[in-house]
């Protein structure tokens, strides 16, 4: 079940679920996630929105994260808990 703190509004909750669906296909960097989101949904989302949300999803256990290279890029993938949340389509 995706539980979001009160600082998240319904738009951010929807964006969180959309990001999880995009990440579901495998490891992705924040840049690629943003680019794919813009191409798929036709909406540009700032890095200032994407990265804090990726961090929050990782902190809550919905994503795994590993370092991609020495420049500090991180690769994100759906965790088992994130997959379970998507399978149940449960948002609180």
Foldseek 3Di string as FASTA:
>chain_A
DAEDDPVDDPVLVVVLLVLQVVQAVDWDWLVVSQVVCCVVVVDHDDSVSSVVSQVVCVVVPQWDWDADDPVGTIIIHGDPVVVVCNVVVDYD
